[in-house]
Amino acid sequence: MSEWVATASRYLDTPLVSQFGTAVIAIIVGLVIIRLLQTVAARSIAETGMRYRIRKFIGFAGYVVLALVLFSMLSGKLGQVSVIFGVAGAGIAFSLQEVIASIAGWIAISFGGFYRPGDRVQVGGITGDVIDIGMLRTTLMETGDWVKGDLYNGRIVRVANSFVFKEPVFNYSGDFSFLWDEFTVPVKYGSDWRLAQELIEQAIAEHADEFQAASAKAWKVMVGKFMIEEARTKPMVTLIANDNWIEFTGRYVVDFRRRRATKDAIMRSLLTAFEANASKVGFGSTTVELVGMPPVTVKPEAQ
């Protein structure tokens, strides 16, 4: 028993084992401190987006500091670590250029205002809601594709953060969380076009007026923040007369999450209103009907 204790004592007294044990303790203490700081931040910050970014930053900064401390402890001198990094820097930069670009993209996304969790964005041809922003990848809950409209299709897509330096980022809900939406209504000639316009305006007002005050306020903030002109946030209806019918275009502002539901409600109200005034207004359409063919006589050519 005494020999085993003596052998174990000799192993523990070796510099390598001592440094390894110290490193393990440092890792445990570092992880506890990082988790503690993240918990304090989560309890202290009320705003969801800021709380999320602070937690991510604490994790990233904590892991970087912990890695430097471990390198310093295991190498004995921090200067040696600098030499090692200097020698291997070129190779690391070449082999991990995509990873480095993604980390740089994460920093740009986190502090550059590209988007935040909860925003609806289009990146790399993929549209969806941002559900997580990691150091290397952004995770989206995809919308559209084989599903029509702005509804989830069930796919979770992960995109490298480096794309923010390569492609445009479309944000549907960033500083202005509303969208302008439009629809067209063809009305046949001979209809009461003034009544048709009134019915369209009433249908839009019934379902889109609730967004007007909030969108106007948000647009004023946009005008003060960016070099952008004033825009009409009130609903409007315009018309154009073409060869086949009178074409009305309805335009209104809607919350980006309720675009499809709002258009559906407007169309239902419009169908009901036109049906109630069928003697005065009617939808224009192109109908081709073959009712018969004239008799065809074939005469053989004389020889």
C-alpha atoms as a PDB file:
ATOM      1  CA  MET A   1       0.000   0.000   0.000  1.00  0.00           C
ATOM      2  CA  SER A   2       2.807   2.365   0.923  1.00  0.00           C
ATOM      3  CA  GLU A   3       4.550   1.614  -2.389  1.00  0.00           C
ATOM      4  CA  TRP A   4       1.398   2.480  -4.341  1.00  0.00           C
ATOM      5  CA  VAL A   5       1.043   5.759  -2.456  1.00  0.00           C
ATOM      6  CA  ALA A   6       4.699   6.569  -3.073  1.00  0.00           C
ATOM      7  CA  THR A   7       4.378   5.792  -6.789  1.00  0.00           C
ATOM      8  CA  ALA A   8       1.252   7.930  -7.082  1.00  0.00           C
ATOM      9  CA  SER A   9       2.974  10.733  -5.221  1.00  0.00           C
ATOM     10  CA  ARG A  10       5.914  10.642  -7.626  1.00  0.00           C
ATOM     11  CA  TYR A  11       3.573  10.842 -10.629  1.00  0.00           C
ATOM     12  CA  LEU A  12       1.672  13.761  -9.116  1.00  0.00           C
ATOM     13  CA  ASP A  13       4.909  15.591  -8.428  1.00  0.00           C
ATOM     14  CA  THR A  14       5.958  15.505 -12.087  1.00  0.00           C
ATOM     15  CA  PRO A  15       5.600  18.891 -13.870  1.00  0.00           C
ATOM     16  CA  LEU A  16       3.482  17.473 -16.706  1.00  0.00           C
ATOM     17  CA  VAL A  17       0.867  15.932 -14.409  1.00  0.00           C
ATOM     18  CA  SER A  18       0.857  19.026 -12.244  1.00  0.00           C
ATOM     19  CA  GLN A  19       0.280  21.285 -15.245  1.00  0.00           C
ATOM     20  CA  PHE A  20      -2.425  18.980 -16.589  1.00  0.00           C
ATOM     21  CA  GLY A  21      -4.252  18.978 -13.258  1.00  0.00           C
ATOM     22  CA  THR A  22      -4.015  22.739 -13.029  1.00  0.00           C
ATOM     23  CA  ALA A  23      -5.368  23.022 -16.572  1.00  0.00           C
ATOM     24  CA  VAL A  24      -8.369  20.822 -15.725  1.00  0.00           C
ATOM     25  CA  ILE A  25      -9.118  22.944 -12.682  1.00  0.00           C
ATOM     26  CA  ALA A  26      -8.787  26.111 -14.779  1.00  0.00           C
ATOM     27  CA  ILE A  27     -11.228  24.719 -17.363  1.00  0.00           C
ATOM     28  CA  ILE A  28     -13.803  23.884 -14.697  1.00  0.00           C
ATOM     29  CA  VAL A  29     -13.447  27.258 -12.990  1.00  0.00           C
ATOM     30  CA  GLY A  30     -13.575  29.081 -16.341  1.00  0.00           C
ATOM     31  CA  LEU A  31     -16.739  27.281 -17.460  1.00  0.00           C
ATOM     32  CA  VAL A  32     -18.402  28.003 -14.120  1.00  0.00           C
ATOM     33  CA  ILE A  33     -17.519  31.702 -14.387  1.00  0.00           C
ATOM     34  CA  ILE A  34     -18.810  31.893 -17.975  1.00  0.00           C
ATOM     35  CA  ARG A  35     -22.090  30.202 -17.040  1.00  0.00           C
ATOM     36  CA  LEU A  36     -22.444  32.438 -13.976  1.00  0.00           C
ATOM     37  CA  LEU A  37     -21.925  35.606 -16.019  1.00  0.00           C
ATOM     38  CA  GLN A  38     -24.450  34.424 -18.630  1.00  0.00           C
ATOM     39  CA  THR A  39     -27.002  33.722 -15.894  1.00  0.00           C
ATOM     40  CA  VAL A  40     -26.486  37.160 -14.358  1.00  0.00           C
ATOM     41  CA  ALA A  41     -26.871  38.783 -17.787  1.00  0.00           C
ATOM     42  CA  ALA A  42     -30.056  36.814 -18.481  1.00  0.00           C
ATOM     43  CA  ARG A  43     -31.593  37.984 -15.213  1.00  0.00           C
ATOM     44  CA  SER A  44     -30.416  41.583 -15.444  1.00  0.00           C
ATOM     45  CA  ILE A  45     -31.293  42.466 -19.063  1.00  0.00           C
ATOM     46  CA  ALA A  46     -34.988  42.701 -19.892  1.00  0.00           C
ATOM     47  CA  GLU A  47     -34.784  43.228 -23.675  1.00  0.00           C
ATOM     48  CA  THR A  48     -34.734  39.851 -25.404  1.00  0.00           C
ATOM     49  CA  GLY A  49     -32.453  40.750 -28.316  1.00  0.00           C
ATOM     50  CA  MET A  50     -29.848  42.500 -26.162  1.00  0.00           C
ATOM     51  CA  ARG A  51     -29.917  39.653 -23.629  1.00  0.00           C
ATOM     52  CA  TYR A  52     -29.285  37.130 -26.394  1.00  0.00           C
ATOM     53  CA  ARG A  53     -26.344  39.100 -27.847  1.00  0.00           C
ATOM     54  CA  ILE A  54     -24.729  39.669 -24.440  1.00  0.00           C
ATOM     55  CA  ARG A  55     -24.946  35.967 -23.598  1.00  0.00           C
ATOM     56  CA  LYS A  56     -23.344  35.073 -26.928  1.00  0.00           C
ATOM     57  CA  PHE A  57     -20.577  37.643 -26.450  1.00  0.00           C
ATOM     58  CA  ILE A  58     -19.823  36.440 -22.910  1.00  0.00           C
ATOM     59  CA  GLY A  59     -19.532  32.874 -24.177  1.00  0.00           C
ATOM     60  CA  PHE A  60     -17.275  33.818 -27.089  1.00  0.00           C
ATOM     61  CA  ALA A  61     -14.998  36.112 -25.056  1.00  0.00           C
ATOM     62  CA  GLY A  62     -14.835  33.655 -22.163  1.00  0.00           C
ATOM     63  CA  TYR A  63     -13.760  30.759 -24.368  1.00  0.00           C
ATOM     64  CA  VAL A  64     -11.073  32.890 -26.044  1.00  0.00           C
ATOM     65  CA  VAL A  65      -9.646  34.009 -22.686  1.00  0.00           C
ATOM     66  CA  LEU A  66      -9.789  30.459 -21.343  1.00  0.00           C
ATOM     67  CA  ALA A  67      -7.935  29.140 -24.393  1.00  0.00           C
ATOM     68  CA  LEU A  68      -5.185  31.750 -23.985  1.00  0.00           C
ATOM     69  CA  VAL A  69      -4.826  30.929 -20.294  1.00  0.00           C
ATOM     70  CA  LEU A  70      -4.529  27.211 -21.037  1.00  0.00           C
ATOM     71  CA  PHE A  71      -1.899  27.800 -23.713  1.00  0.00           C
ATOM     72  CA  SER A  72       0.030  29.992 -21.305  1.00  0.00           C
ATOM     73  CA  MET A  73      -0.114  27.415 -18.516  1.00  0.00           C
ATOM     74  CA  LEU A  74       0.870  24.443 -20.661  1.00  0.00           C
ATOM     75  CA  SER A  75       3.658  26.223 -22.502  1.00  0.00           C
ATOM     76  CA  GLY A  76       5.134  27.901 -19.470  1.00  0.00           C
ATOM     77  CA  LYS A  77       5.544  31.269 -21.148  1.00  0.00           C
ATOM     78  CA  LEU A  78       3.034  33.327 -23.060  1.00  0.00           C
ATOM     79  CA  GLY A  79       5.808  34.427 -25.395  1.00  0.00           C
ATOM     80  CA  GLN A  80       6.178  30.875 -26.645  1.00  0.00           C
ATOM     81  CA  VAL A  81       2.526  30.869 -27.575  1.00  0.00           C
ATOM     82  CA  SER A  82       3.036  34.011 -29.650  1.00  0.00           C
ATOM     83  CA  VAL A  83       5.920  32.347 -31.479  1.00  0.00           C
ATOM     84  CA  ILE A  84       3.842  29.249 -32.167  1.00  0.00           C
ATOM     85  CA  PHE A  85       0.944  31.339 -33.447  1.00  0.00           C
ATOM     86  CA  GLY A  86       3.291  33.370 -35.617  1.00  0.00           C
ATOM     87  CA  VAL A  87       4.783  30.291 -37.254  1.00  0.00           C
ATOM     88  CA  ALA A  88       1.457  28.556 -37.784  1.00  0.00           C
ATOM     89  CA  GLY A  89      -0.529  31.699 -38.593  1.00  0.00           C
ATOM     90  CA  ALA A  90      -0.196  31.533 -42.368  1.00  0.00           C
ATOM     91  CA  GLY A  91      -1.203  27.876 -42.525  1.00  0.00           C
ATOM     92  CA  ILE A  92      -4.123  28.372 -40.171  1.00  0.00           C
ATOM     93  CA  ALA A  93      -5.362  31.418 -42.081  1.00  0.00           C
ATOM     94  CA  PHE A  94      -5.331  29.477 -45.357  1.00  0.00           C
ATOM     95  CA  SER A  95      -6.874  26.234 -44.122  1.00  0.00           C
ATOM     96  CA  LEU A  96      -9.465  27.893 -41.883  1.00  0.00           C
ATOM     97  CA  GLN A  97     -10.283  30.912 -44.009  1.00  0.00           C
ATOM     98  CA  GLU A  98     -13.984  30.024 -44.202  1.00  0.00           C
ATOM     99  CA  VAL A  99     -14.153  29.519 -40.439  1.00  0.00           C
ATOM    100  CA  ILE A 100     -12.366  32.819 -39.818  1.00  0.00           C
ATOM    101  CA  ALA A 101     -14.705  34.567 -42.267  1.00  0.00           C
ATOM    102  CA  SER A 102     -17.717  33.062 -40.473  1.00  0.00           C
ATOM    103  CA  ILE A 103     -16.457  34.293 -37.095  1.00  0.00           C
ATOM    104  CA  ALA A 104     -15.907  37.745 -38.613  1.00  0.00           C
ATOM    105  CA  GLY A 105     -19.432  37.502 -40.045  1.00  0.00           C
ATOM    106  CA  TRP A 106     -20.787  36.643 -36.585  1.00  0.00           C
ATOM    107  CA  ILE A 107     -19.135  39.767 -35.171  1.00  0.00           C
ATOM    108  CA  ALA A 108     -20.567  41.858 -38.028  1.00  0.00           C
ATOM    109  CA  ILE A 109     -24.040  40.366 -37.542  1.00  0.00           C
ATOM    110  CA  SER A 110     -23.978  40.818 -33.765  1.00  0.00           C
ATOM    111  CA  PHE A 111     -22.797  44.421 -33.758  1.00  0.00           C
ATOM    112  CA  GLY A 112     -23.538  45.641 -37.289  1.00  0.00           C
ATOM    113  CA  GLY A 113     -27.320  45.394 -37.176  1.00  0.00           C
ATOM    114  CA  PHE A 114     -27.730  42.976 -40.093  1.00  0.00           C
ATOM    115  CA  TYR A 115     -30.439  41.056 -38.224  1.00  0.00           C
ATOM    116  CA  ARG A 116     -31.245  39.569 -34.841  1.00  0.00           C
ATOM    117  CA  PRO A 117     -33.124  36.478 -33.606  1.00  0.00           C
ATOM    118  CA  GLY A 118     -36.793  36.742 -34.533  1.00  0.00           C
ATOM    119  CA  ASP A 119     -36.222  38.705 -37.747  1.00  0.00           C
ATOM    120  CA  ARG A 120     -37.483  37.377 -41.065  1.00  0.00           C
ATOM    121  CA  VAL A 121     -34.673  37.489 -43.612  1.00  0.00           C
ATOM    122  CA  GLN A 122     -33.666  36.218 -47.023  1.00  0.00           C
ATOM    123  CA  VAL A 123     -30.053  35.097 -47.294  1.00  0.00           C
ATOM    124  CA  GLY A 124     -28.530  33.149 -50.140  1.00  0.00           C
ATOM    125  CA  GLY A 125     -31.956  32.691 -51.738  1.00  0.00           C
ATOM    126  CA  ILE A 126     -33.390  31.185 -48.523  1.00  0.00           C
ATOM    127  CA  THR A 127     -36.193  32.955 -46.659  1.00  0.00           C
ATOM    128  CA  GLY A 128     -37.013  32.254 -43.044  1.00  0.00           C
ATOM    129  CA  ASP A 129     -37.102  33.438 -39.447  1.00  0.00           C
ATOM    130  CA  VAL A 130     -33.789  33.691 -37.582  1.00  0.00           C
ATOM    131  CA  ILE A 131     -33.953  31.319 -34.602  1.00  0.00           C
ATOM    132  CA  ASP A 132     -30.278  31.281 -33.602  1.00  0.00           C
ATOM    133  CA  ILE A 133     -27.021  33.070 -34.422  1.00  0.00           C
ATOM    134  CA  GLY A 134     -23.923  31.017 -33.679  1.00  0.00           C
ATOM    135  CA  MET A 135     -20.278  31.929 -34.137  1.00  0.00           C
ATOM    136  CA  LEU A 136     -20.110  29.958 -37.384  1.00  0.00           C
ATOM    137  CA  ARG A 137     -23.675  29.587 -38.637  1.00  0.00           C
ATOM    138  CA  THR A 138     -27.056  31.285 -38.609  1.00  0.00           C
ATOM    139  CA  THR A 139     -30.053  28.985 -38.146  1.00  0.00           C
ATOM    140  CA  LEU A 140     -33.300  29.742 -39.994  1.00  0.00           C
ATOM    141  CA  MET A 141     -36.784  28.274 -39.783  1.00  0.00           C
ATOM    142  CA  GLU A 142     -37.501  28.284 -43.509  1.00  0.00           C
ATOM    143  CA  THR A 143     -40.653  29.692 -45.081  1.00  0.00           C
ATOM    144  CA  GLY A 144     -41.991  29.287 -48.600  1.00  0.00           C
ATOM    145  CA  ASP A 145     -40.304  27.059 -51.206  1.00  0.00           C
ATOM    146  CA  TRP A 146     -42.932  24.391 -51.973  1.00  0.00           C
ATOM    147  CA  VAL A 147     -45.316  26.086 -49.489  1.00  0.00           C
ATOM    148  CA  LYS A 148     -47.016  29.148 -50.969  1.00  0.00           C
ATOM    149  CA  GLY A 149     -46.985  32.345 -48.959  1.00  0.00           C
ATOM    150  CA  ASP A 150     -44.992  33.260 -45.863  1.00  0.00           C
ATOM    151  CA  LEU A 151     -45.674  30.063 -43.923  1.00  0.00           C
ATOM    152  CA  TYR A 152     -43.172  27.664 -42.366  1.00  0.00           C
ATOM    153  CA  ASN A 153     -42.407  24.551 -44.387  1.00  0.00           C
ATOM    154  CA  GLY A 154     -40.761  22.709 -41.481  1.00  0.00           C
ATOM    155  CA  ARG A 155     -37.148  22.796 -42.669  1.00  0.00           C
ATOM    156  CA  ILE A 156     -34.405  24.190 -40.441  1.00  0.00           C
ATOM    157  CA  VAL A 157     -31.581  25.682 -42.517  1.00  0.00           C
ATOM    158  CA  ARG A 158     -28.089  26.557 -41.284  1.00  0.00           C
ATOM    159  CA  VAL A 159     -26.164  29.134 -43.304  1.00  0.00           C
ATOM    160  CA  ALA A 160     -22.505  30.104 -42.818  1.00  0.00           C
ATOM    161  CA  ASN A 161     -22.117  33.599 -41.367  1.00  0.00           C
ATOM    162  CA  SER A 162     -19.524  34.447 -44.015  1.00  0.00           C
ATOM    163  CA  PHE A 163     -22.335  35.034 -46.546  1.00  0.00           C
ATOM    164  CA  VAL A 164     -22.887  38.566 -45.169  1.00  0.00           C
ATOM    165  CA  PHE A 165     -19.672  39.611 -46.938  1.00  0.00           C
ATOM    166  CA  LYS A 166     -20.603  37.928 -50.223  1.00  0.00           C
ATOM    167  CA  GLU A 167     -24.343  38.406 -50.822  1.00  0.00           C
ATOM    168  CA  PRO A 168     -27.067  40.936 -50.006  1.00  0.00           C
ATOM    169  CA  VAL A 169     -29.124  40.366 -46.875  1.00  0.00           C
ATOM    170  CA  PHE A 170     -32.875  41.064 -47.160  1.00  0.00           C
ATOM    171  CA  ASN A 171     -34.456  41.866 -43.798  1.00  0.00           C
ATOM    172  CA  TYR A 172     -38.258  41.881 -43.764  1.00  0.00           C
ATOM    173  CA  SER A 173     -38.581  43.059 -40.171  1.00  0.00           C
ATOM    174  CA  GLY A 174     -35.460  44.984 -39.114  1.00  0.00           C
ATOM    175  CA  ASP A 175     -35.945  48.682 -38.365  1.00  0.00           C
ATOM    176  CA  PHE A 176     -39.344  48.704 -40.121  1.00  0.00           C
ATOM    177  CA  SER A 177     -41.352  45.598 -39.264  1.00  0.00           C
ATOM    178  CA  PHE A 178     -44.043  46.254 -41.883  1.00  0.00           C
ATOM    179  CA  LEU A 179     -44.360  45.496 -45.585  1.00  0.00           C
ATOM    180  CA  TRP A 180     -46.251  47.135 -48.419  1.00  0.00           C
ATOM    181  CA  ASP A 181     -48.487  44.609 -50.114  1.00  0.00           C
ATOM    182  CA  GLU A 182     -50.615  44.904 -53.241  1.00  0.00           C
ATOM    183  CA  PHE A 183     -53.304  43.058 -55.159  1.00  0.00           C
ATOM    184  CA  THR A 184     -55.089  43.678 -58.461  1.00  0.00           C
ATOM    185  CA  VAL A 185     -58.801  43.387 -59.196  1.00  0.00           C
ATOM    186  CA  PRO A 186     -60.066  43.339 -62.823  1.00  0.00           C
ATOM    187  CA  VAL A 187     -63.519  44.931 -63.221  1.00  0.00           C
ATOM    188  CA  LYS A 188     -65.391  44.547 -66.495  1.00  0.00           C
ATOM    189  CA  TYR A 189     -66.358  47.541 -68.609  1.00  0.00           C
ATOM    190  CA  GLY A 190     -69.940  48.695 -68.032  1.00  0.00           C
ATOM    191  CA  SER A 191     -69.634  48.304 -64.267  1.00  0.00           C
ATOM    192  CA  ASP A 192     -69.985  51.208 -61.849  1.00  0.00           C
ATOM    193  CA  TRP A 193     -66.243  51.760 -61.437  1.00  0.00           C
ATOM    194  CA  ARG A 194     -66.714  54.384 -58.721  1.00  0.00           C
ATOM    195  CA  LEU A 195     -68.655  51.886 -56.633  1.00  0.00           C
ATOM    196  CA  ALA A 196     -66.021  49.238 -57.344  1.00  0.00           C
ATOM    197  CA  GLN A 197     -63.283  51.532 -56.047  1.00  0.00           C
ATOM    198  CA  GLU A 198     -65.335  52.323 -52.952  1.00  0.00           C
ATOM    199  CA  LEU A 199     -65.871  48.629 -52.213  1.00  0.00           C
ATOM    200  CA  ILE A 200     -62.144  47.919 -52.565  1.00  0.00           C
ATOM    201  CA  GLU A 201     -61.253  50.820 -50.259  1.00  0.00           C
ATOM    202  CA  GLN A 202     -63.749  49.598 -47.662  1.00  0.00           C
ATOM    203  CA  ALA A 203     -62.364  46.052 -47.749  1.00  0.00           C
ATOM    204  CA  ILE A 204     -58.803  47.304 -47.256  1.00  0.00           C
ATOM    205  CA  ALA A 205     -59.803  49.679 -44.464  1.00  0.00           C
ATOM    206  CA  GLU A 206     -61.662  46.914 -42.643  1.00  0.00           C
ATOM    207  CA  HIS A 207     -58.613  44.668 -42.344  1.00  0.00           C
ATOM    208  CA  ALA A 208     -55.514  46.876 -42.776  1.00  0.00           C
ATOM    209  CA  ASP A 209     -56.320  50.085 -40.890  1.00  0.00           C
ATOM    210  CA  GLU A 210     -55.102  48.510 -37.636  1.00  0.00           C
ATOM    211  CA  PHE A 211     -51.505  48.719 -38.919  1.00  0.00           C
ATOM    212  CA  GLN A 212     -51.642  52.348 -40.046  1.00  0.00           C
ATOM    213  CA  ALA A 213     -50.771  54.148 -36.788  1.00  0.00           C
ATOM    214  CA  ALA A 214     -47.920  51.826 -35.830  1.00  0.00           C
ATOM    215  CA  SER A 215     -46.462  51.786 -39.344  1.00  0.00           C
ATOM    216  CA  ALA A 216     -46.591  55.593 -39.621  1.00  0.00           C
ATOM    217  CA  LYS A 217     -44.761  55.930 -36.303  1.00  0.00           C
ATOM    218  CA  ALA A 218     -42.135  53.360 -37.319  1.00  0.00           C
ATOM    219  CA  TRP A 219     -41.607  55.115 -40.655  1.00  0.00           C
ATOM    220  CA  LYS A 220     -40.942  58.429 -38.907  1.00  0.00           C
ATOM    221  CA  VAL A 221     -38.174  56.686 -36.968  1.00  0.00           C
ATOM    222  CA  MET A 222     -36.784  55.380 -40.264  1.00  0.00           C
ATOM    223  CA  VAL A 223     -36.794  58.880 -41.788  1.00  0.00           C
ATOM    224  CA  GLY A 224     -34.899  60.224 -38.783  1.00  0.00           C
ATOM    225  CA  LYS A 225     -32.354  57.404 -38.858  1.00  0.00           C
ATOM    226  CA  PHE A 226     -31.679  57.041 -42.587  1.00  0.00           C
ATOM    227  CA  MET A 227     -31.520  59.373 -45.572  1.00  0.00           C
ATOM    228  CA  ILE A 228     -34.903  58.301 -46.897  1.00  0.00           C
ATOM    229  CA  GLU A 229     -37.949  60.225 -48.090  1.00  0.00           C
ATOM    230  CA  GLU A 230     -41.433  60.249 -46.644  1.00  0.00           C
ATOM    231  CA  ALA A 231     -43.705  57.472 -47.887  1.00  0.00           C
ATOM    232  CA  ARG A 232     -47.456  56.988 -47.789  1.00  0.00           C
ATOM    233  CA  THR A 233     -48.469  54.424 -45.193  1.00  0.00           C
ATOM    234  CA  LYS A 234     -52.210  54.971 -45.656  1.00  0.00           C
ATOM    235  CA  PRO A 235     -54.044  52.515 -47.948  1.00  0.00           C
ATOM    236  CA  MET A 236     -54.577  53.625 -51.530  1.00  0.00           C
ATOM    237  CA  VAL A 237     -56.413  52.345 -54.607  1.00  0.00           C
ATOM    238  CA  THR A 238     -55.380  53.219 -58.161  1.00  0.00           C
ATOM    239  CA  LEU A 239     -56.795  52.160 -61.520  1.00  0.00           C
ATOM    240  CA  ILE A 240     -55.766  51.735 -65.119  1.00  0.00           C
ATOM    241  CA  ALA A 241     -57.958  51.040 -68.150  1.00  0.00           C
ATOM    242  CA  ASN A 242     -56.601  48.440 -70.546  1.00  0.00           C
ATOM    243  CA  ASP A 243     -57.979  46.578 -73.561  1.00  0.00           C
ATOM    244  CA  ASN A 244     -59.918  43.999 -71.554  1.00  0.00           C
ATOM    245  CA  TRP A 245     -61.093  45.566 -68.290  1.00  0.00           C
ATOM    246  CA  ILE A 246     -60.561  48.254 -65.674  1.00  0.00           C
ATOM    247  CA  GLU A 247     -57.724  47.111 -63.422  1.00  0.00           C
ATOM    248  CA  PHE A 248     -57.707  48.349 -59.820  1.00  0.00           C
ATOM    249  CA  THR A 249     -54.600  48.021 -57.648  1.00  0.00           C
ATOM    250  CA  GLY A 250     -54.985  48.063 -53.873  1.00  0.00           C
ATOM    251  CA  ARG A 251     -51.921  48.980 -51.805  1.00  0.00           C
ATOM    252  CA  TYR A 252     -51.614  48.895 -48.012  1.00  0.00           C
ATOM    253  CA  VAL A 253     -49.138  48.379 -45.162  1.00  0.00           C
ATOM    254  CA  VAL A 254     -49.256  45.152 -43.154  1.00  0.00           C
ATOM    255  CA  ASP A 255     -47.271  43.454 -40.409  1.00  0.00           C
ATOM    256  CA  PHE A 256     -44.701  41.130 -41.989  1.00  0.00           C
ATOM    257  CA  ARG A 257     -46.104  38.140 -40.070  1.00  0.00           C
ATOM    258  CA  ARG A 258     -49.697  38.719 -41.219  1.00  0.00           C
ATOM    259  CA  ARG A 259     -49.321  39.437 -44.921  1.00  0.00           C
ATOM    260  CA  ARG A 260     -51.078  36.323 -46.193  1.00  0.00           C
ATOM    261  CA  ALA A 261     -53.821  36.323 -43.547  1.00  0.00           C
ATOM    262  CA  THR A 262     -54.605  39.989 -44.192  1.00  0.00           C
ATOM    263  CA  LYS A 263     -54.809  39.545 -47.958  1.00  0.00           C
ATOM    264  CA  ASP A 264     -57.082  36.527 -47.487  1.00  0.00           C
ATOM    265  CA  ALA A 265     -59.437  38.546 -45.274  1.00  0.00           C
ATOM    266  CA  ILE A 266     -59.509  41.430 -47.777  1.00  0.00           C
ATOM    267  CA  MET A 267     -60.285  39.105 -50.686  1.00  0.00           C
ATOM    268  CA  ARG A 268     -63.127  37.425 -48.787  1.00  0.00           C
ATOM    269  CA  SER A 269     -64.691  40.780 -47.910  1.00  0.00           C
ATOM    270  CA  LEU A 270     -64.271  41.929 -51.499  1.00  0.00           C
ATOM    271  CA  LEU A 271     -65.946  38.834 -52.932  1.00  0.00           C
ATOM    272  CA  THR A 272     -68.874  39.292 -50.550  1.00  0.00           C
ATOM    273  CA  ALA A 273     -69.213  42.984 -51.462  1.00  0.00           C
ATOM    274  CA  PHE A 274     -69.107  42.349 -55.213  1.00  0.00           C
ATOM    275  CA  GLU A 275     -71.616  39.531 -54.833  1.00  0.00           C
ATOM    276  CA  ALA A 276     -73.998  41.869 -52.972  1.00  0.00           C
ATOM    277  CA  ASN A 277     -73.704  44.425 -55.806  1.00  0.00           C
ATOM    278  CA  ALA A 278     -73.659  42.004 -58.715  1.00  0.00           C
ATOM    279  CA  SER A 279     -76.079  44.154 -60.720  1.00  0.00           C
ATOM    280  CA  LYS A 280     -73.681  47.127 -60.653  1.00  0.00           C
ATOM    281  CA  VAL A 281     -70.151  45.699 -60.611  1.00  0.00           C
ATOM    282  CA  GLY A 282     -68.593  42.518 -61.903  1.00  0.00           C
ATOM    283  CA  PHE A 283     -65.159  40.978 -62.209  1.00  0.00           C
ATOM    284  CA  GLY A 284     -63.505  41.096 -65.589  1.00  0.00           C
ATOM    285  CA  SER A 285     -62.276  37.874 -67.139  1.00  0.00           C
ATOM    286  CA  THR A 286     -61.332  36.379 -70.462  1.00  0.00           C
ATOM    287  CA  THR A 287     -63.445  33.402 -71.475  1.00  0.00           C
ATOM    288  CA  VAL A 288     -63.056  31.479 -74.711  1.00  0.00           C
ATOM    289  CA  GLU A 289     -65.886  29.069 -75.547  1.00  0.00           C
ATOM    290  CA  LEU A 290     -66.092  26.893 -78.658  1.00  0.00           C
ATOM    291  CA  VAL A 291     -69.779  26.360 -79.459  1.00  0.00           C
ATOM    292  CA  GLY A 292     -69.422  24.531 -82.721  1.00  0.00           C
ATOM    293  CA  MET A 293     -67.547  24.082 -85.963  1.00  0.00           C
ATOM    294  CA  PRO A 294     -68.870  24.996 -89.419  1.00  0.00           C
ATOM    295  CA  PRO A 295     -69.307  22.081 -91.807  1.00  0.00           C
ATOM    296  CA  VAL A 296     -66.226  21.304 -93.831  1.00  0.00           C
ATOM    297  CA  THR A 297     -66.508  19.942 -97.375  1.00  0.00           C
ATOM    298  CA  VAL A 298     -63.535  18.254 -98.938  1.00  0.00           C
ATOM    299  CA  LYS A 299     -63.485  18.008-102.728  1.00  0.00           C
ATOM    300  CA  PRO A 300     -61.007  15.668-104.348  1.00  0.00           C
ATOM    301  CA  GLU A 301     -58.818  17.354-106.904  1.00  0.00           C
ATOM    302  CA  ALA A 302     -59.635  16.322-110.455  1.00  0.00           C
ATOM    303  CA  GLN A 303     -56.948  14.334-112.268  1.00  0.00           C
END
